[in-house]
Amino acid sequence: MIRKATPDDLESIYSLYKANSLDITNLVDPTYATKIQRDGFLLDLEEKSDILERIQTNTIFNVYELEGNVVGFININKEIYFPEDSDNIIWFDNDLKNKYYHRDSSITLHEILISQTHKEQGIGKQLLENSLQILKEMDYTDLFSIVVFAPLTNCASVLFHAKNGFERACVSMPTDLFGLKNYQSVLFHLQIK
């Protein structure tokens, strides 16, 4: 069942964050690096207070509940992550650049996360489709999403976006960020229909 997250879900959501956050200190282990690229990861472990604030204020913060347990969530809000005047970003389409920076009907998918034991069951797709319907009713027309591409690739996220009709809008050039050397990301775009 998909429903709006509440403060009562904080511990469950935090546990999902914790279980799927990248451990930068463990990247020297090839087995770990391979596993997280295959399974997907989040860059930062959010503080509980940050998660609680997002639950209470973001445009969409929904959970997928199964047998009384939160097994996944989606978090969407109106925030811009790339500086508009950055020369460190290569845009593939100037129209998408304009939509990202200047259209009130654009919004950003921050996270979509499913527990490892419940992956490959269509839960992520259901969370996305439910959110797209809500966004359409709120008159949003464009959904953007940032995915880590280097120095390691969030393959699970890249595949999820490709399977669900997202297109690449831009790529950032290498920089040291989030404790990673030569960090790069791809911004994906989906037109909400």
N, C-alpha and C. Protein backbone atom coordinates (compact mmCIF):
# COMPACT_ATOMS: atom_id res chain seq x y z
N MET A 1 0.85 -1.17 0.00
CA MET A 1 0.00 0.00 0.00
C MET A 1 0.90 1.24 0.00
N ILE A 2 0.56 2.20 -0.85
CA ILE A 2 1.28 3.47 -0.91
C ILE A 2 0.50 4.49 -0.10
N ARG A 3 1.21 5.21 0.74
CA ARG A 3 0.57 6.25 1.55
C ARG A 3 1.58 7.34 1.86
N LYS A 4 1.07 8.48 2.30
CA LYS A 4 1.93 9.59 2.71
C LYS A 4 2.71 9.19 3.96
N ALA A 5 3.99 9.52 3.98
CA ALA A 5 4.81 9.23 5.16
C ALA A 5 4.37 10.13 6.31
N THR A 6 4.50 9.62 7.54
CA THR A 6 4.19 10.39 8.74
C THR A 6 5.42 10.35 9.66
N PRO A 7 5.46 11.21 10.66
CA PRO A 7 6.57 11.15 11.62
C PRO A 7 6.74 9.78 12.27
N ASP A 8 5.66 9.00 12.36
CA ASP A 8 5.76 7.65 12.92
C ASP A 8 6.60 6.72 12.06
N ASP A 9 6.82 7.08 10.79
CA ASP A 9 7.62 6.25 9.88
C ASP A 9 9.12 6.57 9.95
N LEU A 10 9.48 7.56 10.77
CA LEU A 10 10.87 8.05 10.78
C LEU A 10 11.89 6.94 11.00
N GLU A 11 11.69 6.09 11.98
CA GLU A 11 12.67 5.04 12.27
C GLU A 11 12.82 4.07 11.11
N SER A 12 11.71 3.69 10.49
CA SER A 12 11.76 2.76 9.34
C SER A 12 12.48 3.40 8.16
N ILE A 13 12.18 4.66 7.88
CA ILE A 13 12.82 5.36 6.76
C ILE A 13 14.31 5.54 7.05
N TYR A 14 14.64 5.89 8.28
CA TYR A 14 16.04 6.07 8.65
C TYR A 14 16.81 4.75 8.51
N SER A 15 16.18 3.65 8.87
CA SER A 15 16.82 2.34 8.71
C SER A 15 17.11 2.02 7.25
N LEU A 16 16.17 2.38 6.37
CA LEU A 16 16.41 2.18 4.93
C LEU A 16 17.57 3.05 4.45
N TYR A 17 17.60 4.31 4.89
CA TYR A 17 18.72 5.19 4.55
C TYR A 17 20.04 4.56 5.01
N LYS A 18 20.07 4.14 6.25
CA LYS A 18 21.29 3.61 6.85
C LYS A 18 21.78 2.36 6.10
N ALA A 19 20.85 1.50 5.76
CA ALA A 19 21.21 0.24 5.08
C ALA A 19 21.69 0.46 3.65
N ASN A 20 21.36 1.60 3.06
CA ASN A 20 21.67 1.84 1.65
C ASN A 20 22.60 3.02 1.40
N SER A 21 23.18 3.57 2.45
CA SER A 21 24.10 4.70 2.29
C SER A 21 25.50 4.21 1.95
N LEU A 22 26.15 4.94 1.09
CA LEU A 22 27.50 4.61 0.65
C LEU A 22 28.49 4.77 1.79
N ASP A 23 29.30 3.74 2.02
CA ASP A 23 30.38 3.79 2.99
C ASP A 23 31.67 4.09 2.22
N ILE A 24 32.05 5.36 2.17
CA ILE A 24 33.22 5.78 1.38
C ILE A 24 34.49 5.08 1.85
N THR A 25 34.59 4.81 3.13
CA THR A 25 35.81 4.18 3.65
C THR A 25 35.96 2.74 3.17
N ASN A 26 34.89 2.14 2.68
CA ASN A 26 34.91 0.74 2.27
C ASN A 26 35.08 0.58 0.75
N LEU A 27 35.25 1.69 0.02
CA LEU A 27 35.34 1.61 -1.43
C LEU A 27 36.59 0.91 -1.94
N VAL A 28 37.61 0.78 -1.09
CA VAL A 28 38.82 0.07 -1.50
C VAL A 28 38.58 -1.43 -1.64
N ASP A 29 37.49 -1.92 -1.07
CA ASP A 29 37.13 -3.33 -1.17
C ASP A 29 36.35 -3.55 -2.47
N PRO A 30 36.93 -4.26 -3.45
CA PRO A 30 36.27 -4.43 -4.74
C PRO A 30 34.92 -5.16 -4.63
N THR A 31 34.79 -6.07 -3.67
CA THR A 31 33.52 -6.78 -3.50
C THR A 31 32.44 -5.80 -3.07
N TYR A 32 32.77 -4.92 -2.13
CA TYR A 32 31.80 -3.90 -1.68
C TYR A 32 31.45 -2.95 -2.82
N ALA A 33 32.46 -2.45 -3.53
CA ALA A 33 32.23 -1.50 -4.61
C ALA A 33 31.35 -2.10 -5.70
N THR A 34 31.57 -3.35 -6.01
CA THR A 34 30.76 -4.03 -7.03
C THR A 34 29.32 -4.19 -6.56
N LYS A 35 29.16 -4.60 -5.31
CA LYS A 35 27.82 -4.82 -4.76
C LYS A 35 26.99 -3.54 -4.73
N ILE A 36 27.58 -2.45 -4.25
CA ILE A 36 26.78 -1.22 -4.14
C ILE A 36 26.46 -0.62 -5.50
N GLN A 37 27.35 -0.79 -6.47
CA GLN A 37 27.04 -0.30 -7.81
C GLN A 37 25.90 -1.10 -8.42
N ARG A 38 25.89 -2.40 -8.16
CA ARG A 38 24.82 -3.26 -8.67
C ARG A 38 23.49 -2.99 -7.96
N ASP A 39 23.54 -2.87 -6.63
CA ASP A 39 22.31 -2.77 -5.83
C ASP A 39 21.77 -1.36 -5.69
N GLY A 40 22.63 -0.34 -5.90
CA GLY A 40 22.23 1.05 -5.73
C GLY A 40 22.63 1.56 -4.35
N PHE A 41 22.71 2.88 -4.24
CA PHE A 41 23.16 3.48 -2.99
C PHE A 41 22.72 4.94 -2.90
N LEU A 42 22.76 5.45 -1.68
CA LEU A 42 22.57 6.87 -1.43
C LEU A 42 23.91 7.45 -1.01
N LEU A 43 24.16 8.71 -1.35
CA LEU A 43 25.45 9.31 -1.04
C LEU A 43 25.62 9.66 0.42
N ASP A 44 24.65 10.28 1.00
CA ASP A 44 24.78 10.75 2.37
C ASP A 44 23.78 10.05 3.26
N LEU A 45 24.19 9.76 4.47
CA LEU A 45 23.24 9.30 5.46
C LEU A 45 22.62 10.54 6.09
N GLU A 46 21.37 10.75 5.83
CA GLU A 46 20.66 11.92 6.35
C GLU A 46 20.56 11.83 7.88
N GLU A 47 20.55 12.99 8.51
CA GLU A 47 20.27 13.04 9.94
C GLU A 47 18.77 12.78 10.12
N LYS A 48 18.40 12.20 11.22
CA LYS A 48 16.98 11.94 11.47
C LYS A 48 16.16 13.22 11.42
N SER A 49 16.71 14.30 11.94
CA SER A 49 15.96 15.57 11.94
C SER A 49 15.73 16.07 10.51
N ASP A 50 16.70 15.84 9.60
CA ASP A 50 16.52 16.23 8.20
C ASP A 50 15.43 15.39 7.54
N ILE A 51 15.43 14.11 7.83
CA ILE A 51 14.41 13.23 7.26
C ILE A 51 13.03 13.63 7.77
N LEU A 52 12.93 13.90 9.06
CA LEU A 52 11.65 14.31 9.63
C LEU A 52 11.14 15.59 8.97
N GLU A 53 12.03 16.55 8.76
CA GLU A 53 11.62 17.80 8.11
C GLU A 53 11.13 17.53 6.70
N ARG A 54 11.81 16.65 5.97
CA ARG A 54 11.38 16.32 4.60
C ARG A 54 10.02 15.62 4.60
N ILE A 55 9.82 14.72 5.55
CA ILE A 55 8.52 14.04 5.66
C ILE A 55 7.41 15.07 5.83
N GLN A 56 7.67 16.07 6.64
CA GLN A 56 6.64 17.05 6.99
C GLN A 56 6.46 18.15 5.95
N THR A 57 7.49 18.44 5.14
CA THR A 57 7.40 19.62 4.27
C THR A 57 7.52 19.36 2.77
N ASN A 58 8.10 18.24 2.35
CA ASN A 58 8.32 18.04 0.91
C ASN A 58 7.01 17.84 0.16
N THR A 59 7.04 18.13 -1.11
CA THR A 59 5.85 18.03 -1.95
C THR A 59 5.28 16.62 -1.89
N ILE A 60 6.15 15.63 -2.09
CA ILE A 60 5.74 14.22 -1.95
C ILE A 60 6.80 13.50 -1.13
N PHE A 61 6.37 12.84 -0.09
CA PHE A 61 7.22 11.90 0.64
C PHE A 61 6.30 10.75 1.01
N ASN A 62 6.27 9.74 0.14
CA ASN A 62 5.37 8.61 0.31
C ASN A 62 6.15 7.35 0.63
N VAL A 63 5.49 6.45 1.33
CA VAL A 63 6.09 5.15 1.65
C VAL A 63 5.27 4.05 1.02
N TYR A 64 5.92 2.91 0.85
CA TYR A 64 5.25 1.69 0.45
C TYR A 64 5.25 0.77 1.66
N GLU A 65 4.05 0.44 2.11
CA GLU A 65 3.91 -0.37 3.31
C GLU A 65 3.42 -1.76 2.92
N LEU A 66 4.07 -2.77 3.47
CA LEU A 66 3.72 -4.15 3.19
C LEU A 66 3.66 -4.90 4.51
N GLU A 67 2.51 -5.44 4.82
CA GLU A 67 2.29 -6.18 6.06
C GLU A 67 2.73 -5.38 7.28
N GLY A 68 2.40 -4.09 7.28
CA GLY A 68 2.70 -3.22 8.41
C GLY A 68 4.12 -2.69 8.46
N ASN A 69 4.96 -3.02 7.46
CA ASN A 69 6.35 -2.55 7.44
C ASN A 69 6.59 -1.65 6.25
N VAL A 70 7.35 -0.58 6.47
CA VAL A 70 7.76 0.31 5.38
C VAL A 70 8.92 -0.37 4.66
N VAL A 71 8.71 -0.69 3.37
CA VAL A 71 9.74 -1.39 2.59
C VAL A 71 10.31 -0.52 1.48
N GLY A 72 9.81 0.70 1.37
CA GLY A 72 10.33 1.63 0.37
C GLY A 72 9.74 3.00 0.53
N PHE A 73 10.37 3.98 -0.13
CA PHE A 73 9.84 5.34 -0.09
C PHE A 73 10.27 6.12 -1.32
N ILE A 74 9.57 7.22 -1.58
CA ILE A 74 9.91 8.15 -2.65
C ILE A 74 9.82 9.56 -2.07
N ASN A 75 10.77 10.40 -2.46
CA ASN A 75 10.88 11.75 -1.93
C ASN A 75 11.06 12.71 -3.10
N ILE A 76 10.10 13.61 -3.29
CA ILE A 76 10.11 14.57 -4.40
C ILE A 76 9.86 15.96 -3.85
N ASN A 77 10.67 16.93 -4.29
CA ASN A 77 10.50 18.30 -3.83
C ASN A 77 11.06 19.27 -4.86
N LYS A 78 10.70 20.52 -4.71
CA LYS A 78 11.14 21.57 -5.63
C LYS A 78 12.45 22.15 -5.13
N GLU A 79 13.56 21.59 -5.62
CA GLU A 79 14.88 22.11 -5.25
C GLU A 79 15.80 22.01 -6.45
N ILE A 80 16.72 22.95 -6.57
CA ILE A 80 17.69 22.97 -7.66
C ILE A 80 19.06 22.69 -7.08
N TYR A 81 19.78 21.77 -7.70
CA TYR A 81 21.07 21.36 -7.17
C TYR A 81 22.27 21.88 -7.95
N PHE A 82 22.08 22.17 -9.23
CA PHE A 82 23.19 22.64 -10.04
C PHE A 82 23.14 24.16 -10.16
N PRO A 83 24.27 24.86 -10.01
CA PRO A 83 24.28 26.30 -10.25
C PRO A 83 24.04 26.59 -11.73
N GLU A 84 23.18 27.55 -12.03
CA GLU A 84 22.81 27.82 -13.43
C GLU A 84 23.99 28.29 -14.26
N ASP A 85 24.89 29.06 -13.66
CA ASP A 85 26.00 29.62 -14.41
C ASP A 85 27.24 28.73 -14.39
N SER A 86 27.11 27.50 -13.95
CA SER A 86 28.26 26.60 -13.83
C SER A 86 28.81 26.22 -15.21
N ASP A 87 30.12 26.28 -15.33
CA ASP A 87 30.74 25.81 -16.57
C ASP A 87 31.20 24.36 -16.40
N ASN A 88 30.78 23.74 -15.31
CA ASN A 88 31.14 22.37 -14.98
C ASN A 88 30.04 21.38 -15.38
N ILE A 89 29.02 21.88 -16.11
CA ILE A 89 27.87 21.06 -16.48
C ILE A 89 27.69 21.13 -18.00
N ILE A 90 27.51 19.98 -18.61
CA ILE A 90 27.24 19.93 -20.04
C ILE A 90 25.78 19.55 -20.24
N TRP A 91 25.03 20.47 -20.82
CA TRP A 91 23.61 20.23 -21.10
C TRP A 91 23.47 19.63 -22.49
N PHE A 92 22.62 18.62 -22.62
CA PHE A 92 22.38 17.98 -23.90
C PHE A 92 21.25 18.67 -24.66
N ASP A 93 20.46 19.47 -23.94
CA ASP A 93 19.30 20.12 -24.55
C ASP A 93 19.04 21.44 -23.79
N ASN A 94 19.15 22.57 -24.49
CA ASN A 94 18.95 23.87 -23.83
C ASN A 94 17.52 24.06 -23.35
N ASP A 95 16.55 23.41 -24.00
CA ASP A 95 15.17 23.51 -23.55
C ASP A 95 15.01 22.86 -22.17
N LEU A 96 15.68 21.73 -21.98
CA LEU A 96 15.62 21.07 -20.66
C LEU A 96 16.33 21.93 -19.61
N LYS A 97 17.41 22.58 -19.97
CA LYS A 97 18.10 23.49 -19.06
C LYS A 97 17.15 24.60 -18.61
N ASN A 98 16.43 25.17 -19.55
CA ASN A 98 15.48 26.22 -19.24
C ASN A 98 14.36 25.71 -18.34
N LYS A 99 13.87 24.51 -18.62
CA LYS A 99 12.81 23.92 -17.78
C LYS A 99 13.32 23.69 -16.36
N TYR A 100 14.55 23.21 -16.24
CA TYR A 100 15.11 22.91 -14.92
C TYR A 100 15.23 24.17 -14.07
N TYR A 101 15.72 25.25 -14.66
CA TYR A 101 15.98 26.47 -13.89
C TYR A 101 14.81 27.44 -13.82
N HIS A 102 13.97 27.46 -14.84
CA HIS A 102 13.02 28.58 -14.94
C HIS A 102 11.55 28.21 -15.01
N ARG A 103 11.22 26.96 -14.91
CA ARG A 103 9.81 26.60 -15.02
C ARG A 103 9.29 26.19 -13.66
N ASP A 104 8.21 26.86 -13.24
CA ASP A 104 7.59 26.54 -11.95
C ASP A 104 6.97 25.15 -11.94
N SER A 105 6.77 24.59 -13.11
CA SER A 105 6.12 23.28 -13.20
C SER A 105 7.14 22.13 -13.23
N SER A 106 8.41 22.44 -12.91
CA SER A 106 9.44 21.41 -12.82
C SER A 106 9.71 21.09 -11.35
N ILE A 107 10.06 19.83 -11.09
CA ILE A 107 10.28 19.37 -9.72
C ILE A 107 11.33 18.26 -9.76
N THR A 108 11.94 17.96 -8.60
CA THR A 108 13.06 17.01 -8.56
C THR A 108 12.76 15.79 -7.68
N LEU A 109 13.06 14.63 -8.25
CA LEU A 109 13.01 13.37 -7.50
C LEU A 109 14.32 13.24 -6.73
N HIS A 110 14.24 13.26 -5.41
CA HIS A 110 15.45 13.18 -4.58
C HIS A 110 15.89 11.75 -4.35
N GLU A 111 14.97 10.93 -3.93
CA GLU A 111 15.30 9.53 -3.64
C GLU A 111 14.09 8.66 -3.92
N ILE A 112 14.40 7.49 -4.40
CA ILE A 112 13.43 6.41 -4.43
C ILE A 112 14.22 5.19 -3.97
N LEU A 113 13.76 4.56 -2.94
CA LEU A 113 14.55 3.50 -2.31
C LEU A 113 13.64 2.36 -1.88
N ILE A 114 14.05 1.15 -2.25
CA ILE A 114 13.32 -0.06 -1.88
C ILE A 114 14.28 -0.95 -1.10
N SER A 115 13.80 -1.59 -0.04
CA SER A 115 14.66 -2.49 0.74
C SER A 115 15.20 -3.59 -0.17
N GLN A 116 16.40 -4.05 0.14
CA GLN A 116 17.04 -5.08 -0.68
C GLN A 116 16.19 -6.34 -0.81
N THR A 117 15.46 -6.68 0.24
CA THR A 117 14.65 -7.90 0.21
C THR A 117 13.37 -7.75 -0.61
N HIS A 118 13.03 -6.54 -1.01
CA HIS A 118 11.79 -6.31 -1.76
C HIS A 118 12.03 -5.74 -3.16
N LYS A 119 13.29 -5.74 -3.60
CA LYS A 119 13.59 -5.27 -4.95
C LYS A 119 13.06 -6.27 -5.97
N GLU A 120 12.92 -5.78 -7.19
CA GLU A 120 12.46 -6.60 -8.32
C GLU A 120 11.01 -7.08 -8.13
N GLN A 121 10.22 -6.33 -7.38
CA GLN A 121 8.82 -6.67 -7.20
C GLN A 121 7.89 -5.58 -7.75
N GLY A 122 8.48 -4.58 -8.43
CA GLY A 122 7.68 -3.52 -9.02
C GLY A 122 7.29 -2.42 -8.06
N ILE A 123 7.83 -2.43 -6.86
CA ILE A 123 7.46 -1.43 -5.85
C ILE A 123 7.94 -0.04 -6.26
N GLY A 124 9.16 0.06 -6.76
CA GLY A 124 9.68 1.35 -7.20
C GLY A 124 8.84 1.94 -8.31
N LYS A 125 8.47 1.12 -9.27
CA LYS A 125 7.63 1.58 -10.39
C LYS A 125 6.27 2.06 -9.87
N GLN A 126 5.69 1.33 -8.92
CA GLN A 126 4.40 1.74 -8.35
C GLN A 126 4.52 3.09 -7.63
N LEU A 127 5.60 3.25 -6.86
CA LEU A 127 5.81 4.52 -6.16
C LEU A 127 5.96 5.67 -7.15
N LEU A 128 6.72 5.43 -8.23
CA LEU A 128 6.91 6.47 -9.25
C LEU A 128 5.60 6.79 -9.94
N GLU A 129 4.87 5.79 -10.40
CA GLU A 129 3.62 6.03 -11.12
C GLU A 129 2.60 6.75 -10.25
N ASN A 130 2.51 6.37 -8.98
CA ASN A 130 1.60 7.05 -8.05
C ASN A 130 2.00 8.52 -7.91
N SER A 131 3.29 8.78 -7.79
CA SER A 131 3.78 10.15 -7.64
C SER A 131 3.54 10.97 -8.89
N LEU A 132 3.74 10.35 -10.06
CA LEU A 132 3.50 11.07 -11.32
C LEU A 132 2.04 11.49 -11.43
N GLN A 133 1.13 10.64 -10.98
CA GLN A 133 -0.29 11.00 -11.01
C GLN A 133 -0.57 12.20 -10.09
N ILE A 134 0.01 12.17 -8.90
CA ILE A 134 -0.17 13.28 -7.96
C ILE A 134 0.42 14.56 -8.54
N LEU A 135 1.63 14.46 -9.11
CA LEU A 135 2.29 15.63 -9.69
C LEU A 135 1.48 16.20 -10.86
N LYS A 136 0.92 15.33 -11.68
CA LYS A 136 0.09 15.78 -12.80
C LYS A 136 -1.11 16.56 -12.29
N GLU A 137 -1.74 16.06 -11.23
CA GLU A 137 -2.90 16.75 -10.64
C GLU A 137 -2.50 18.10 -10.05
N MET A 138 -1.22 18.24 -9.67
CA MET A 138 -0.71 19.50 -9.12
C MET A 138 -0.14 20.40 -10.21
N ASP A 139 -0.32 20.01 -11.47
CA ASP A 139 0.11 20.78 -12.65
C ASP A 139 1.62 20.83 -12.86
N TYR A 140 2.34 19.85 -12.35
CA TYR A 140 3.76 19.73 -12.69
C TYR A 140 3.88 19.05 -14.05
N THR A 141 4.86 19.47 -14.84
CA THR A 141 5.02 18.93 -16.19
C THR A 141 6.36 18.22 -16.40
N ASP A 142 7.35 18.48 -15.53
CA ASP A 142 8.69 17.93 -15.73
C ASP A 142 9.28 17.45 -14.41
N LEU A 143 9.79 16.21 -14.44
CA LEU A 143 10.44 15.62 -13.27
C LEU A 143 11.91 15.40 -13.60
N PHE A 144 12.79 15.92 -12.74
CA PHE A 144 14.23 15.75 -12.89
C PHE A 144 14.76 14.86 -11.76
N SER A 145 15.89 14.22 -12.00
CA SER A 145 16.46 13.32 -11.01
C SER A 145 17.97 13.21 -11.22
N ILE A 146 18.75 13.34 -10.15
CA ILE A 146 20.20 13.28 -10.24
C ILE A 146 20.68 11.89 -9.82
N VAL A 147 21.59 11.31 -10.63
CA VAL A 147 22.13 9.98 -10.36
C VAL A 147 23.65 10.04 -10.41
N VAL A 148 24.30 9.41 -9.44
CA VAL A 148 25.76 9.36 -9.40
C VAL A 148 26.27 8.49 -10.55
N PHE A 149 27.27 9.01 -11.27
CA PHE A 149 27.81 8.32 -12.43
C PHE A 149 29.29 7.95 -12.26
N ALA A 150 30.02 8.71 -11.44
CA ALA A 150 31.45 8.44 -11.22
C ALA A 150 31.87 9.04 -9.88
N PRO A 151 32.87 8.51 -9.22
CA PRO A 151 33.83 7.51 -9.65
C PRO A 151 33.27 6.08 -9.64
N LEU A 152 32.07 5.90 -9.14
CA LEU A 152 31.38 4.64 -9.25
C LEU A 152 29.98 4.96 -9.73
N THR A 153 29.34 4.01 -10.37
CA THR A 153 28.05 4.27 -11.00
C THR A 153 26.94 3.59 -10.23
N ASN A 154 25.88 4.34 -9.98
CA ASN A 154 24.69 3.79 -9.35
C ASN A 154 23.89 3.08 -10.44
N CYS A 155 24.35 1.90 -10.82
CA CYS A 155 23.78 1.15 -11.95
C CYS A 155 22.29 0.87 -11.75
N ALA A 156 21.90 0.51 -10.54
CA ALA A 156 20.49 0.21 -10.28
C ALA A 156 19.62 1.44 -10.57
N SER A 157 20.09 2.61 -10.20
CA SER A 157 19.33 3.83 -10.44
C SER A 157 19.32 4.20 -11.92
N VAL A 158 20.45 4.06 -12.59
CA VAL A 158 20.51 4.35 -14.03
C VAL A 158 19.52 3.45 -14.78
N LEU A 159 19.51 2.17 -14.45
CA LEU A 159 18.60 1.23 -15.11
C LEU A 159 17.14 1.56 -14.80
N PHE A 160 16.85 1.91 -13.53
CA PHE A 160 15.48 2.26 -13.15
C PHE A 160 14.99 3.46 -13.97
N HIS A 161 15.83 4.48 -14.08
CA HIS A 161 15.44 5.67 -14.84
C HIS A 161 15.23 5.33 -16.31
N ALA A 162 16.13 4.54 -16.90
CA ALA A 162 16.00 4.16 -18.31
C ALA A 162 14.72 3.35 -18.56
N LYS A 163 14.43 2.40 -17.67
CA LYS A 163 13.24 1.55 -17.83
C LYS A 163 11.94 2.35 -17.70
N ASN A 164 12.01 3.48 -17.00
CA ASN A 164 10.80 4.26 -16.75
C ASN A 164 10.71 5.52 -17.61
N GLY A 165 11.47 5.55 -18.70
CA GLY A 165 11.29 6.59 -19.70
C GLY A 165 12.03 7.89 -19.48
N PHE A 166 12.93 7.95 -18.51
CA PHE A 166 13.71 9.17 -18.30
C PHE A 166 14.75 9.30 -19.41
N GLU A 167 15.10 10.53 -19.75
CA GLU A 167 16.17 10.81 -20.70
C GLU A 167 17.25 11.62 -19.99
N ARG A 168 18.46 11.56 -20.50
CA ARG A 168 19.56 12.31 -19.92
C ARG A 168 19.45 13.77 -20.32
N ALA A 169 19.51 14.66 -19.34
CA ALA A 169 19.41 16.10 -19.59
C ALA A 169 20.78 16.77 -19.57
N CYS A 170 21.65 16.36 -18.63
CA CYS A 170 22.98 16.95 -18.54
C CYS A 170 23.88 16.04 -17.73
N VAL A 171 25.16 16.34 -17.77
CA VAL A 171 26.15 15.61 -17.00
C VAL A 171 27.09 16.63 -16.37
N SER A 172 27.50 16.37 -15.14
CA SER A 172 28.48 17.25 -14.50
C SER A 172 29.87 16.72 -14.79
N MET A 173 30.83 17.62 -14.88
CA MET A 173 32.22 17.23 -15.10
C MET A 173 32.84 16.85 -13.76
N PRO A 174 33.95 16.10 -13.78
CA PRO A 174 34.53 15.61 -12.53
C PRO A 174 34.91 16.73 -11.56
N THR A 175 34.57 16.51 -10.30
CA THR A 175 34.93 17.42 -9.23
C THR A 175 35.01 16.59 -7.94
N ASP A 176 35.67 17.11 -6.94
CA ASP A 176 35.72 16.42 -5.65
C ASP A 176 34.52 16.88 -4.83
N LEU A 177 33.63 15.95 -4.52
CA LEU A 177 32.38 16.27 -3.85
C LEU A 177 31.91 15.06 -3.06
N PHE A 178 31.25 15.29 -1.94
CA PHE A 178 30.71 14.22 -1.09
C PHE A 178 31.80 13.25 -0.62
N GLY A 179 33.02 13.74 -0.53
CA GLY A 179 34.13 12.88 -0.11
C GLY A 179 34.65 11.96 -1.20
N LEU A 180 34.16 12.15 -2.42
CA LEU A 180 34.59 11.33 -3.55
C LEU A 180 35.46 12.14 -4.50
N LYS A 181 36.55 11.56 -4.95
CA LYS A 181 37.40 12.21 -5.95
C LYS A 181 36.79 11.95 -7.33
N ASN A 182 36.79 12.99 -8.16
CA ASN A 182 36.27 12.90 -9.53
C ASN A 182 34.79 12.49 -9.58
N TYR A 183 34.01 13.05 -8.65
CA TYR A 183 32.57 12.80 -8.64
C TYR A 183 31.92 13.38 -9.91
N GLN A 184 31.01 12.62 -10.49
CA GLN A 184 30.19 13.08 -11.61
C GLN A 184 28.76 12.59 -11.40
N SER A 185 27.82 13.36 -11.92
CA SER A 185 26.43 12.93 -11.87
C SER A 185 25.75 13.21 -13.20
N VAL A 186 24.65 12.51 -13.41
CA VAL A 186 23.81 12.69 -14.58
C VAL A 186 22.46 13.19 -14.09
N LEU A 187 21.93 14.20 -14.75
CA LEU A 187 20.58 14.69 -14.45
C LEU A 187 19.64 14.08 -15.48
N PHE A 188 18.66 13.33 -14.99
CA PHE A 188 17.66 12.72 -15.86
C PHE A 188 16.39 13.58 -15.88
N HIS A 189 15.62 13.44 -16.93
CA HIS A 189 14.38 14.19 -17.10
C HIS A 189 13.27 13.26 -17.58
N LEU A 190 12.07 13.50 -17.06
CA LEU A 190 10.88 12.78 -17.51
C LEU A 190 9.75 13.78 -17.66
N GLN A 191 9.13 13.79 -18.81
CA GLN A 191 7.96 14.65 -19.00
C GLN A 191 6.76 13.96 -18.35
N ILE A 192 6.06 14.71 -17.51
CA ILE A 192 4.89 14.17 -16.82
C ILE A 192 3.69 14.28 -17.73
N LYS A 193 3.07 13.15 -18.03
CA LYS A 193 1.93 13.14 -18.97
C LYS A 193 0.66 12.72 -18.28
